[in-house]
Amino acid sequence: MVTFPVQLWAQSLPFGQMNPRAVQERREKEAADKGAFIIAQPYSPAEALRQARAMSASLAGLKPERKGVVDVYVLAVGMDSDPVFGREAAEAARVLATRYDAQGRVIVLANGTGAQGGSTEPVIPDANPDHLAQALAQIGSVMNPQEDVLALFITTHGHWNTGLNYRDGDRAIGNIGPVRLARLLNDAGIENRLVILSACFSGVFLPALQNQSTIVMTAASSERPSFGCRAENDWTFFGDAFVNQALRQPVPLPDAFARAKTLITGWEVASGVAPSMPQVDLGPQAIAWMDKIDAKIPKVASPPRGTPAFSPNPGKAAGN
């Protein structure tokens, strides 16, 4: 696990020049520049063993690539322990696996109990940064990096200056910033990437992740929150509109994203909140592999699952 010293958060300006807002902004910028920070208590020996076994099983369970077939490998990550993110990650994995014929090529990582269905056994490994790096490395090692596609879905809280929040109850907190996530993907040697980020301010990742063979889709612009992240929810606004509804339809990926944006806009207007402005960037070389994986889409739509994220009751829209 990449851990930066706690002193990072103890630095201060010279006496008499301390502006609390400026100090906080500087600390956040330092963390973002480094790409990640983690403060964590170690697992108990028993929990460490359970996590190691769960992660080993997930990595070993990946099917190898098929020569001449554009296989999709799905990695769905609920990076915060609020249950909504675990639930969203687990169901997103199922939706993407069905849409892209990826059964047996799926890893789910999630903190908390949302993805476990209430189980106390860590059948699903925690979504810590080490596990994320290991999962990407394993996928990169079994796929054909020039032919196959990674579908990476991450859902969590987000911050405009530090990226994706990481939290595992009271045990660990931190973030993964744009630089760190881009480095993990590059180190795994994965060329063809569909990256879907469901988090506030997730548009901040676009500059770091954009390239010729990558598609990036985010729940919000770099300056806007997204909504629907109450812990008791089954879905965030973006997860419900894009994954639970649009991706279950037999329509191409860009059309699904456009449908989701329309739904989200309506929900935000009805909720009286500022628009989140979901973002998409399609690398020019990604269109070729996108057309190939879209050819796998089932011809018949499947129904949404779970409780809808949008409620007409005032005050239901919580930001990620």
C-alpha atoms as a PDB file:
ATOM      1  CA  MET A   1       0.000   0.000   0.000  1.00  0.00           C
ATOM      2  CA  VAL A   2       1.314   3.449  -0.906  1.00  0.00           C
ATOM      3  CA  THR A   3       1.344   5.445   2.307  1.00  0.00           C
ATOM      4  CA  PHE A   4       2.486   9.011   2.609  1.00  0.00           C
ATOM      5  CA  PRO A   5       3.775  10.268   5.940  1.00  0.00           C
ATOM      6  CA  VAL A   6       1.282  11.827   8.288  1.00  0.00           C
ATOM      7  CA  GLN A   7       3.642  14.816   8.331  1.00  0.00           C
ATOM      8  CA  LEU A   8       2.192  15.703   4.943  1.00  0.00           C
ATOM      9  CA  TRP A   9      -0.835  16.920   6.865  1.00  0.00           C
ATOM     10  CA  ALA A  10       1.190  18.645   9.580  1.00  0.00           C
ATOM     11  CA  GLN A  11       3.098  21.114   7.414  1.00  0.00           C
ATOM     12  CA  SER A  12       2.340  24.751   8.129  1.00  0.00           C
ATOM     13  CA  LEU A  13       3.095  28.196   6.859  1.00  0.00           C
ATOM     14  CA  PRO A  14       5.408  30.551   8.771  1.00  0.00           C
ATOM     15  CA  PHE A  15       3.933  31.969  11.964  1.00  0.00           C
ATOM     16  CA  GLY A  16       1.681  34.930  11.249  1.00  0.00           C
ATOM     17  CA  GLN A  17       0.925  33.782   7.695  1.00  0.00           C
ATOM     18  CA  MET A  18      -1.373  30.861   8.510  1.00  0.00           C
ATOM     19  CA  ASN A  19      -4.644  31.056   6.632  1.00  0.00           C
ATOM     20  CA  PRO A  20      -6.615  27.878   7.432  1.00  0.00           C
ATOM     21  CA  ARG A  21      -8.226  27.802   3.989  1.00  0.00           C
ATOM     22  CA  ALA A  22      -4.878  28.250   2.234  1.00  0.00           C
ATOM     23  CA  VAL A  23      -3.234  25.595   4.389  1.00  0.00           C
ATOM     24  CA  GLN A  24      -5.998  23.101   3.618  1.00  0.00           C
ATOM     25  CA  GLU A  25      -5.840  23.840  -0.112  1.00  0.00           C
ATOM     26  CA  ARG A  26      -2.066  23.402  -0.109  1.00  0.00           C
ATOM     27  CA  ARG A  27      -2.335  20.076   1.691  1.00  0.00           C
ATOM     28  CA  GLU A  28      -4.927  18.860  -0.795  1.00  0.00           C
ATOM     29  CA  LYS A  29      -2.803  19.964  -3.746  1.00  0.00           C
ATOM     30  CA  GLU A  30       0.254  18.165  -2.369  1.00  0.00           C
ATOM     31  CA  ALA A  31      -1.771  14.973  -2.037  1.00  0.00           C
ATOM     32  CA  ALA A  32      -3.152  15.339  -5.556  1.00  0.00           C
ATOM     33  CA  ASP A  33       0.304  15.967  -7.024  1.00  0.00           C
ATOM     34  CA  LYS A  34       1.598  12.796  -5.405  1.00  0.00           C
ATOM     35  CA  GLY A  35      -1.358  10.925  -6.832  1.00  0.00           C
ATOM     36  CA  ALA A  36      -2.520   9.303  -3.603  1.00  0.00           C
ATOM     37  CA  PHE A  37      -2.368   9.359   0.155  1.00  0.00           C
ATOM     38  CA  ILE A  38      -3.367   6.613   2.541  1.00  0.00           C
ATOM     39  CA  ILE A  39      -3.615   6.561   6.329  1.00  0.00           C
ATOM     40  CA  ALA A  40      -4.504   3.070   7.549  1.00  0.00           C
ATOM     41  CA  GLN A  41      -4.423   0.786  10.543  1.00  0.00           C
ATOM     42  CA  PRO A  42      -3.215  -2.734   9.694  1.00  0.00           C
ATOM     43  CA  TYR A  43      -5.673  -5.594   9.404  1.00  0.00           C
ATOM     44  CA  SER A  44      -5.825  -8.025  12.300  1.00  0.00           C
ATOM     45  CA  PRO A  45      -3.927 -11.243  11.475  1.00  0.00           C
ATOM     46  CA  ALA A  46      -7.183 -13.143  10.959  1.00  0.00           C
ATOM     47  CA  GLU A  47      -8.644 -10.449   8.717  1.00  0.00           C
ATOM     48  CA  ALA A  48      -5.404 -10.154   6.757  1.00  0.00           C
ATOM     49  CA  LEU A  49      -5.563 -13.892   6.077  1.00  0.00           C
ATOM     50  CA  ARG A  50      -9.213 -13.688   4.976  1.00  0.00           C
ATOM     51  CA  GLN A  51      -8.433 -10.781   2.675  1.00  0.00           C
ATOM     52  CA  ALA A  52      -5.433 -12.570   1.173  1.00  0.00           C
ATOM     53  CA  ARG A  53      -7.511 -15.660   0.461  1.00  0.00           C
ATOM     54  CA  ALA A  54     -10.369 -13.660  -1.041  1.00  0.00           C
ATOM     55  CA  MET A  55      -8.014 -11.682  -3.262  1.00  0.00           C
ATOM     56  CA  SER A  56      -6.126 -14.784  -4.373  1.00  0.00           C
ATOM     57  CA  ALA A  57      -9.401 -16.454  -5.342  1.00  0.00           C
ATOM     58  CA  SER A  58     -10.516 -13.403  -7.318  1.00  0.00           C
ATOM     59  CA  LEU A  59      -7.243 -13.161  -9.226  1.00  0.00           C
ATOM     60  CA  ALA A  60      -7.015 -16.887  -9.908  1.00  0.00           C
ATOM     61  CA  GLY A  61     -10.610 -17.025 -11.122  1.00  0.00           C
ATOM     62  CA  LEU A  62     -10.033 -14.871 -14.203  1.00  0.00           C
ATOM     63  CA  LYS A  63     -10.386 -16.759 -17.465  1.00  0.00           C
ATOM     64  CA  PRO A  64      -7.591 -16.254 -20.014  1.00  0.00           C
ATOM     65  CA  GLU A  65      -8.109 -14.318 -23.213  1.00  0.00           C
ATOM     66  CA  ARG A  66      -9.408 -16.021 -26.335  1.00  0.00           C
ATOM     67  CA  LYS A  67      -7.316 -15.662 -29.457  1.00  0.00           C
ATOM     68  CA  GLY A  68      -9.124 -13.725 -32.142  1.00  0.00           C
ATOM     69  CA  VAL A  69     -11.886 -12.617 -29.753  1.00  0.00           C
ATOM     70  CA  VAL A  70     -12.114  -9.122 -28.282  1.00  0.00           C
ATOM     71  CA  ASP A  71     -12.644 -10.114 -24.660  1.00  0.00           C
ATOM     72  CA  VAL A  72     -13.807  -7.606 -22.059  1.00  0.00           C
ATOM     73  CA  TYR A  73     -12.379  -7.783 -18.532  1.00  0.00           C
ATOM     74  CA  VAL A  74     -14.514  -6.049 -15.906  1.00  0.00           C
ATOM     75  CA  LEU A  75     -13.140  -4.520 -12.711  1.00  0.00           C
ATOM     76  CA  ALA A  76     -15.835  -2.922 -10.525  1.00  0.00           C
ATOM     77  CA  VAL A  77     -14.719  -1.051  -7.418  1.00  0.00           C
ATOM     78  CA  GLY A  78     -16.741   0.374  -4.513  1.00  0.00           C
ATOM     79  CA  MET A  79     -14.004   2.442  -2.917  1.00  0.00           C
ATOM     80  CA  ASP A  80     -15.918   3.893   0.042  1.00  0.00           C
ATOM     81  CA  SER A  81     -17.537   1.780   2.760  1.00  0.00           C
ATOM     82  CA  ASP A  82     -20.899   3.559   2.542  1.00  0.00           C
ATOM     83  CA  PRO A  83     -23.079   0.625   1.404  1.00  0.00           C
ATOM     84  CA  VAL A  84     -24.441   2.408  -1.675  1.00  0.00           C
ATOM     85  CA  PHE A  85     -21.049   2.127  -3.347  1.00  0.00           C
ATOM     86  CA  GLY A  86     -20.674  -1.585  -2.701  1.00  0.00           C
ATOM     87  CA  ARG A  87     -24.172  -2.249  -3.984  1.00  0.00           C
ATOM     88  CA  GLU A  88     -23.549  -0.143  -7.073  1.00  0.00           C
ATOM     89  CA  ALA A  89     -20.195  -1.786  -7.828  1.00  0.00           C
ATOM     90  CA  ALA A  90     -21.552  -5.324  -7.478  1.00  0.00           C
ATOM     91  CA  GLU A  91     -24.520  -4.713  -9.753  1.00  0.00           C
ATOM     92  CA  ALA A  92     -22.420  -2.739 -12.249  1.00  0.00           C
ATOM     93  CA  ALA A  93     -20.166  -5.783 -12.539  1.00  0.00           C
ATOM     94  CA  ARG A  94     -23.171  -7.940 -13.396  1.00  0.00           C
ATOM     95  CA  VAL A  95     -24.533  -5.449 -15.928  1.00  0.00           C
ATOM     96  CA  LEU A  96     -21.193  -5.022 -17.697  1.00  0.00           C
ATOM     97  CA  ALA A  97     -20.527  -8.767 -17.690  1.00  0.00           C
ATOM     98  CA  THR A  98     -23.910  -9.452 -19.289  1.00  0.00           C
ATOM     99  CA  ARG A  99     -23.636  -6.627 -21.796  1.00  0.00           C
ATOM    100  CA  TYR A 100     -20.141  -7.587 -22.945  1.00  0.00           C
ATOM    101  CA  ASP A 101     -20.149 -11.394 -22.522  1.00  0.00           C
ATOM    102  CA  ALA A 102     -17.543 -11.112 -19.758  1.00  0.00           C
ATOM    103  CA  GLN A 103     -18.630 -13.877 -17.385  1.00  0.00           C
ATOM    104  CA  GLY A 104     -15.538 -15.369 -15.781  1.00  0.00           C
ATOM    105  CA  ARG A 105     -13.565 -12.214 -16.517  1.00  0.00           C
ATOM    106  CA  VAL A 106     -14.863 -10.092 -13.644  1.00  0.00           C
ATOM    107  CA  ILE A 107     -13.344  -8.860 -10.381  1.00  0.00           C
ATOM    108  CA  VAL A 108     -15.322  -6.923  -7.768  1.00  0.00           C
ATOM    109  CA  LEU A 109     -13.609  -5.004  -4.968  1.00  0.00           C
ATOM    110  CA  ALA A 110     -15.686  -3.233  -2.338  1.00  0.00           C
ATOM    111  CA  ASN A 111     -15.352  -1.798   1.138  1.00  0.00           C
ATOM    112  CA  GLY A 112     -18.089  -2.267   3.718  1.00  0.00           C
ATOM    113  CA  THR A 113     -20.990  -4.678   3.426  1.00  0.00           C
ATOM    114  CA  GLY A 114     -22.923  -3.226   0.484  1.00  0.00           C
ATOM    115  CA  ALA A 115     -21.577  -5.685  -2.081  1.00  0.00           C
ATOM    116  CA  GLN A 116     -21.735  -8.635   0.291  1.00  0.00           C
ATOM    117  CA  GLY A 117     -25.486  -8.715   0.708  1.00  0.00           C
ATOM    118  CA  GLY A 118     -25.026  -8.449   4.462  1.00  0.00           C
ATOM    119  CA  SER A 119     -22.491 -11.278   4.673  1.00  0.00           C
ATOM    120  CA  THR A 120     -19.694 -10.840   7.192  1.00  0.00           C
ATOM    121  CA  GLU A 121     -17.333 -13.065   5.197  1.00  0.00           C
ATOM    122  CA  PRO A 122     -15.051 -11.143   2.832  1.00  0.00           C
ATOM    123  CA  VAL A 123     -15.975 -13.148  -0.247  1.00  0.00           C
ATOM    124  CA  ILE A 124     -15.489  -9.867  -2.080  1.00  0.00           C
ATOM    125  CA  PRO A 125     -12.046  -8.400  -1.296  1.00  0.00           C
ATOM    126  CA  ASP A 126     -11.701  -4.908   0.107  1.00  0.00           C
ATOM    127  CA  ALA A 127     -11.242  -2.082  -2.370  1.00  0.00           C
ATOM    128  CA  ASN A 128      -7.918  -0.844  -1.055  1.00  0.00           C
ATOM    129  CA  PRO A 129      -5.261   0.644  -3.348  1.00  0.00           C
ATOM    130  CA  ASP A 130      -3.060  -2.457  -3.152  1.00  0.00           C
ATOM    131  CA  HIS A 131      -5.929  -4.678  -4.261  1.00  0.00           C
ATOM    132  CA  LEU A 132      -6.767  -2.273  -7.087  1.00  0.00           C
ATOM    133  CA  ALA A 133      -3.171  -2.397  -8.311  1.00  0.00           C
ATOM    134  CA  GLN A 134      -3.067  -6.201  -8.040  1.00  0.00           C
ATOM    135  CA  ALA A 135      -6.346  -6.615  -9.910  1.00  0.00           C
ATOM    136  CA  LEU A 136      -5.184  -4.368 -12.743  1.00  0.00           C
ATOM    137  CA  ALA A 137      -1.850  -6.169 -12.926  1.00  0.00           C
ATOM    138  CA  GLN A 138      -3.548  -9.581 -13.082  1.00  0.00           C
ATOM    139  CA  ILE A 139      -5.973  -8.455 -15.767  1.00  0.00           C
ATOM    140  CA  GLY A 140      -3.075  -7.016 -17.742  1.00  0.00           C
ATOM    141  CA  SER A 141      -1.240 -10.332 -17.491  1.00  0.00           C
ATOM    142  CA  VAL A 142      -4.082 -12.575 -18.730  1.00  0.00           C
ATOM    143  CA  MET A 143      -5.590 -10.367 -21.435  1.00  0.00           C
ATOM    144  CA  ASN A 144      -4.251  -9.617 -24.890  1.00  0.00           C
ATOM    145  CA  PRO A 145      -3.346  -5.959 -24.331  1.00  0.00           C
ATOM    146  CA  GLN A 146      -3.591  -5.063 -28.010  1.00  0.00           C
ATOM    147  CA  GLU A 147      -6.901  -6.845 -28.609  1.00  0.00           C
ATOM    148  CA  ASP A 148      -8.908  -7.043 -25.380  1.00  0.00           C
ATOM    149  CA  VAL A 149     -10.618  -4.298 -23.376  1.00  0.00           C
ATOM    150  CA  LEU A 150     -10.679  -3.347 -19.694  1.00  0.00           C
ATOM    151  CA  ALA A 151     -13.991  -2.004 -18.391  1.00  0.00           C
ATOM    152  CA  LEU A 152     -13.097  -0.249 -15.125  1.00  0.00           C
ATOM    153  CA  PHE A 153     -15.991   1.030 -13.022  1.00  0.00           C
ATOM    154  CA  ILE A 154     -15.232   2.932  -9.802  1.00  0.00           C
ATOM    155  CA  THR A 155     -17.876   4.396  -7.514  1.00  0.00           C
ATOM    156  CA  THR A 156     -17.152   6.462  -4.393  1.00  0.00           C
ATOM    157  CA  HIS A 157     -17.213   9.971  -3.007  1.00  0.00           C
ATOM    158  CA  GLY A 158     -15.019  12.432  -4.879  1.00  0.00           C
ATOM    159  CA  HIS A 159     -13.202  15.712  -4.361  1.00  0.00           C
ATOM    160  CA  TRP A 160     -12.279  18.367  -6.888  1.00  0.00           C
ATOM    161  CA  ASN A 161      -8.660  18.553  -5.731  1.00  0.00           C
ATOM    162  CA  THR A 162      -7.756  15.040  -4.600  1.00  0.00           C
ATOM    163  CA  GLY A 163      -9.791  12.726  -6.795  1.00  0.00           C
ATOM    164  CA  LEU A 164     -11.482   9.531  -5.621  1.00  0.00           C
ATOM    165  CA  ASN A 165     -12.026   9.028  -1.901  1.00  0.00           C
ATOM    166  CA  TYR A 166     -10.896   5.769  -0.302  1.00  0.00           C
ATOM    167  CA  ARG A 167     -12.447   4.769   3.036  1.00  0.00           C
ATOM    168  CA  ASP A 168     -12.676   1.440   4.815  1.00  0.00           C
ATOM    169  CA  GLY A 169     -14.810   2.195   7.862  1.00  0.00           C
ATOM    170  CA  ASP A 170     -12.668   3.545  10.693  1.00  0.00           C
ATOM    171  CA  ARG A 171      -9.629   1.538   9.575  1.00  0.00           C
ATOM    172  CA  ALA A 172      -8.390   3.489   6.576  1.00  0.00           C
ATOM    173  CA  ILE A 173      -8.889   6.744   4.701  1.00  0.00           C
ATOM    174  CA  GLY A 174      -7.205   8.297   1.712  1.00  0.00           C
ATOM    175  CA  ASN A 175      -7.588   9.089  -1.932  1.00  0.00           C
ATOM    176  CA  ILE A 176      -6.484   8.034  -5.383  1.00  0.00           C
ATOM    177  CA  GLY A 177      -5.825  10.986  -7.623  1.00  0.00           C
ATOM    178  CA  PRO A 178      -5.730  11.230 -11.414  1.00  0.00           C
ATOM    179  CA  VAL A 179      -1.959  10.801 -11.635  1.00  0.00           C
ATOM    180  CA  ARG A 180      -2.007   7.661  -9.508  1.00  0.00           C
ATOM    181  CA  LEU A 181      -4.878   6.017 -11.397  1.00  0.00           C
ATOM    182  CA  ALA A 182      -3.272   6.758 -14.754  1.00  0.00           C
ATOM    183  CA  ARG A 183      -0.003   5.273 -13.510  1.00  0.00           C
ATOM    184  CA  LEU A 184      -1.723   2.085 -12.326  1.00  0.00           C
ATOM    185  CA  LEU A 185      -3.342   1.604 -15.725  1.00  0.00           C
ATOM    186  CA  ASN A 186      -0.108   2.301 -17.564  1.00  0.00           C
ATOM    187  CA  ASP A 187       1.898  -0.035 -15.333  1.00  0.00           C
ATOM    188  CA  ALA A 188      -0.596  -2.836 -16.035  1.00  0.00           C
ATOM    189  CA  GLY A 189       0.115  -2.490 -19.748  1.00  0.00           C
ATOM    190  CA  ILE A 190      -3.573  -2.225 -20.636  1.00  0.00           C
ATOM    191  CA  GLU A 191      -4.109  -0.258 -23.840  1.00  0.00           C
ATOM    192  CA  ASN A 192      -7.852  -0.434 -24.533  1.00  0.00           C
ATOM    193  CA  ARG A 193      -9.747   1.075 -21.604  1.00  0.00           C
ATOM    194  CA  LEU A 194     -13.332   1.922 -20.827  1.00  0.00           C
ATOM    195  CA  VAL A 195     -13.100   3.911 -17.580  1.00  0.00           C
ATOM    196  CA  ILE A 196     -16.368   4.815 -15.841  1.00  0.00           C
ATOM    197  CA  LEU A 197     -16.124   6.973 -12.711  1.00  0.00           C
ATOM    198  CA  SER A 198     -19.187   7.567 -10.544  1.00  0.00           C
ATOM    199  CA  ALA A 199     -18.099  10.299  -8.131  1.00  0.00           C
ATOM    200  CA  CYS A 200     -18.359  14.002  -7.475  1.00  0.00           C
ATOM    201  CA  PHE A 201     -15.939  16.130  -9.513  1.00  0.00           C
ATOM    202  CA  SER A 202     -14.815  13.019 -11.409  1.00  0.00           C
ATOM    203  CA  GLY A 203     -14.245  15.067 -14.559  1.00  0.00           C
ATOM    204  CA  VAL A 204     -10.944  16.042 -12.948  1.00  0.00           C
ATOM    205  CA  PHE A 205      -9.648  12.661 -14.176  1.00  0.00           C
ATOM    206  CA  LEU A 206     -10.153  13.405 -17.867  1.00  0.00           C
ATOM    207  CA  PRO A 207      -6.803  15.099 -18.610  1.00  0.00           C
ATOM    208  CA  ALA A 208      -4.779  12.343 -16.930  1.00  0.00           C
ATOM    209  CA  LEU A 209      -6.697   9.417 -18.449  1.00  0.00           C
ATOM    210  CA  GLN A 210      -7.309  10.645 -21.997  1.00  0.00           C
ATOM    211  CA  ASN A 211      -5.430   8.874 -24.752  1.00  0.00           C
ATOM    212  CA  GLN A 212      -5.955   7.498 -28.253  1.00  0.00           C
ATOM    213  CA  SER A 213      -7.416   4.138 -27.186  1.00  0.00           C
ATOM    214  CA  THR A 214      -9.343   5.077 -24.018  1.00  0.00           C
ATOM    215  CA  ILE A 215     -12.957   6.016 -23.361  1.00  0.00           C
ATOM    216  CA  VAL A 216     -13.540   7.954 -20.134  1.00  0.00           C
ATOM    217  CA  MET A 217     -17.029   8.552 -18.762  1.00  0.00           C
ATOM    218  CA  THR A 218     -17.578  10.507 -15.559  1.00  0.00           C
ATOM    219  CA  ALA A 219     -20.589  11.299 -13.403  1.00  0.00           C
ATOM    220  CA  ALA A 220     -19.709  14.979 -13.196  1.00  0.00           C
ATOM    221  CA  SER A 221     -17.448  17.683 -14.518  1.00  0.00           C
ATOM    222  CA  SER A 222     -14.307  18.695 -12.649  1.00  0.00           C
ATOM    223  CA  GLU A 223     -16.236  21.521 -10.972  1.00  0.00           C
ATOM    224  CA  ARG A 224     -19.543  19.870 -10.106  1.00  0.00           C
ATOM    225  CA  PRO A 225     -20.810  17.339  -7.561  1.00  0.00           C
ATOM    226  CA  SER A 226     -22.947  14.401  -8.593  1.00  0.00           C
ATOM    227  CA  PHE A 227     -25.880  13.109  -6.572  1.00  0.00           C
ATOM    228  CA  GLY A 228     -27.649  10.159  -5.011  1.00  0.00           C
ATOM    229  CA  CYS A 229     -24.924   8.840  -2.722  1.00  0.00           C
ATOM    230  CA  ARG A 230     -26.934   8.391   0.467  1.00  0.00           C
ATOM    231  CA  ALA A 231     -25.651   5.308   2.258  1.00  0.00           C
ATOM    232  CA  GLU A 232     -29.064   3.606   2.204  1.00  0.00           C
ATOM    233  CA  ASN A 233     -29.471   3.977  -1.580  1.00  0.00           C
ATOM    234  CA  ASP A 234     -29.037   1.155  -4.056  1.00  0.00           C
ATOM    235  CA  TRP A 235     -27.726   3.540  -6.704  1.00  0.00           C
ATOM    236  CA  THR A 236     -26.286   6.991  -7.214  1.00  0.00           C
ATOM    237  CA  PHE A 237     -27.983   9.129  -9.873  1.00  0.00           C
ATOM    238  CA  PHE A 238     -25.246   8.332 -12.385  1.00  0.00           C
ATOM    239  CA  GLY A 239     -25.106   4.640 -11.538  1.00  0.00           C
ATOM    240  CA  ASP A 240     -28.869   4.268 -11.850  1.00  0.00           C
ATOM    241  CA  ALA A 241     -29.247   6.275 -15.049  1.00  0.00           C
ATOM    242  CA  PHE A 242     -26.214   4.934 -16.895  1.00  0.00           C
ATOM    243  CA  VAL A 243     -25.589   1.423 -15.562  1.00  0.00           C
ATOM    244  CA  ASN A 244     -28.946   0.289 -14.198  1.00  0.00           C
ATOM    245  CA  GLN A 245     -31.045   1.708 -17.008  1.00  0.00           C
ATOM    246  CA  ALA A 246     -29.141   2.780 -20.133  1.00  0.00           C
ATOM    247  CA  LEU A 247     -26.538  -0.015 -20.260  1.00  0.00           C
ATOM    248  CA  ARG A 248     -29.297  -2.630 -19.951  1.00  0.00           C
ATOM    249  CA  GLN A 249     -30.704  -1.444 -23.285  1.00  0.00           C
ATOM    250  CA  PRO A 250     -29.561  -2.846 -26.669  1.00  0.00           C
ATOM    251  CA  VAL A 251     -28.047   0.470 -27.741  1.00  0.00           C
ATOM    252  CA  PRO A 252     -24.447   1.513 -28.516  1.00  0.00           C
ATOM    253  CA  LEU A 253     -22.324   2.919 -25.706  1.00  0.00           C
ATOM    254  CA  PRO A 254     -22.513   6.608 -26.797  1.00  0.00           C
ATOM    255  CA  ASP A 255     -26.299   6.376 -27.072  1.00  0.00           C
ATOM    256  CA  ALA A 256     -26.490   4.827 -23.608  1.00  0.00           C
ATOM    257  CA  PHE A 257     -24.457   7.691 -22.169  1.00  0.00           C
ATOM    258  CA  ALA A 258     -26.671  10.259 -23.902  1.00  0.00           C
ATOM    259  CA  ARG A 259     -29.797   8.589 -22.512  1.00  0.00           C
ATOM    260  CA  ALA A 260     -28.293   8.627 -19.031  1.00  0.00           C
ATOM    261  CA  LYS A 261     -27.457  12.331 -19.264  1.00  0.00           C
ATOM    262  CA  THR A 262     -31.041  13.107 -20.210  1.00  0.00           C
ATOM    263  CA  LEU A 263     -32.373  11.130 -17.255  1.00  0.00           C
ATOM    264  CA  ILE A 264     -29.921  12.734 -14.831  1.00  0.00           C
ATOM    265  CA  THR A 265     -30.758  16.234 -16.050  1.00  0.00           C
ATOM    266  CA  GLY A 266     -34.443  15.629 -15.396  1.00  0.00           C
ATOM    267  CA  TRP A 267     -33.791  14.270 -11.923  1.00  0.00           C
ATOM    268  CA  GLU A 268     -31.526  17.196 -11.033  1.00  0.00           C
ATOM    269  CA  VAL A 269     -34.051  19.761 -12.260  1.00  0.00           C
ATOM    270  CA  ALA A 270     -36.786  18.085 -10.228  1.00  0.00           C
ATOM    271  CA  SER A 271     -34.486  17.979  -7.183  1.00  0.00           C
ATOM    272  CA  GLY A 272     -33.552  21.642  -7.483  1.00  0.00           C
ATOM    273  CA  VAL A 273     -29.799  21.024  -7.617  1.00  0.00           C
ATOM    274  CA  ALA A 274     -27.140  22.383  -9.943  1.00  0.00           C
ATOM    275  CA  PRO A 275     -26.419  20.136 -12.948  1.00  0.00           C
ATOM    276  CA  SER A 276     -23.600  17.639 -12.473  1.00  0.00           C
ATOM    277  CA  MET A 277     -22.652  17.776 -16.165  1.00  0.00           C
ATOM    278  CA  PRO A 278     -21.474  14.186 -16.853  1.00  0.00           C
ATOM    279  CA  GLN A 279     -18.477  14.049 -19.170  1.00  0.00           C
ATOM    280  CA  VAL A 280     -17.308  11.673 -21.890  1.00  0.00           C
ATOM    281  CA  ASP A 281     -14.109  11.499 -23.923  1.00  0.00           C
ATOM    282  CA  LEU A 282     -13.732   8.995 -26.778  1.00  0.00           C
ATOM    283  CA  GLY A 283     -10.195   8.389 -27.965  1.00  0.00           C
ATOM    284  CA  PRO A 284     -10.156   8.158 -31.778  1.00  0.00           C
ATOM    285  CA  GLN A 285      -8.655   4.670 -31.790  1.00  0.00           C
ATOM    286  CA  ALA A 286     -11.149   3.470 -29.186  1.00  0.00           C
ATOM    287  CA  ILE A 287     -14.035   3.616 -31.635  1.00  0.00           C
ATOM    288  CA  ALA A 288     -12.819   0.435 -33.372  1.00  0.00           C
ATOM    289  CA  TRP A 289     -12.821  -1.692 -30.219  1.00  0.00           C
ATOM    290  CA  MET A 290     -15.999  -0.019 -28.954  1.00  0.00           C
ATOM    291  CA  ASP A 291     -17.863  -1.174 -32.062  1.00  0.00           C
ATOM    292  CA  LYS A 292     -16.577  -4.720 -31.522  1.00  0.00           C
ATOM    293  CA  ILE A 293     -17.677  -4.967 -27.909  1.00  0.00           C
ATOM    294  CA  ASP A 294     -21.007  -3.295 -28.668  1.00  0.00           C
ATOM    295  CA  ALA A 295     -21.636  -6.169 -31.076  1.00  0.00           C
ATOM    296  CA  LYS A 296     -21.846  -8.402 -27.981  1.00  0.00           C
ATOM    297  CA  ILE A 297     -24.832  -6.524 -26.503  1.00  0.00           C
ATOM    298  CA  PRO A 298     -27.887  -8.729 -25.870  1.00  0.00           C
ATOM    299  CA  LYS A 299     -30.713  -8.011 -28.295  1.00  0.00           C
ATOM    300  CA  VAL A 300     -33.300  -7.807 -25.515  1.00  0.00           C
ATOM    301  CA  ALA A 301     -33.230  -5.235 -22.706  1.00  0.00           C
ATOM    302  CA  SER A 302     -33.179  -6.337 -19.090  1.00  0.00           C
ATOM    303  CA  PRO A 303     -35.180  -4.572 -16.350  1.00  0.00           C
ATOM    304  CA  PRO A 304     -33.545  -2.247 -13.814  1.00  0.00           C
ATOM    305  CA  ARG A 305     -32.849  -3.665 -10.371  1.00  0.00           C
ATOM    306  CA  GLY A 306     -32.986  -2.125  -6.925  1.00  0.00           C
ATOM    307  CA  THR A 307     -34.683   1.007  -5.641  1.00  0.00           C
ATOM    308  CA  PRO A 308     -34.447   3.954  -8.066  1.00  0.00           C
ATOM    309  CA  ALA A 309     -31.966   6.656  -7.095  1.00  0.00           C
ATOM    310  CA  PHE A 310     -34.350   9.506  -7.807  1.00  0.00           C
ATOM    311  CA  SER A 311     -37.210  10.272  -5.477  1.00  0.00           C
ATOM    312  CA  PRO A 312     -39.574  13.211  -5.984  1.00  0.00           C
ATOM    313  CA  ASN A 313     -39.367  13.906  -2.250  1.00  0.00           C
ATOM    314  CA  PRO A 314     -37.357  17.072  -1.496  1.00  0.00           C
ATOM    315  CA  GLY A 315     -33.932  16.622   0.028  1.00  0.00           C
ATOM    316  CA  LYS A 316     -33.265  13.192  -1.426  1.00  0.00           C
ATOM    317  CA  ALA A 317     -30.405  14.265  -3.682  1.00  0.00           C
ATOM    318  CA  ALA A 318     -27.168  13.901  -1.751  1.00  0.00           C
ATOM    319  CA  GLY A 319     -23.859  14.776  -3.410  1.00  0.00           C
ATOM    320  CA  ASN A 320     -21.093  12.227  -3.818  1.00  0.00           C
END
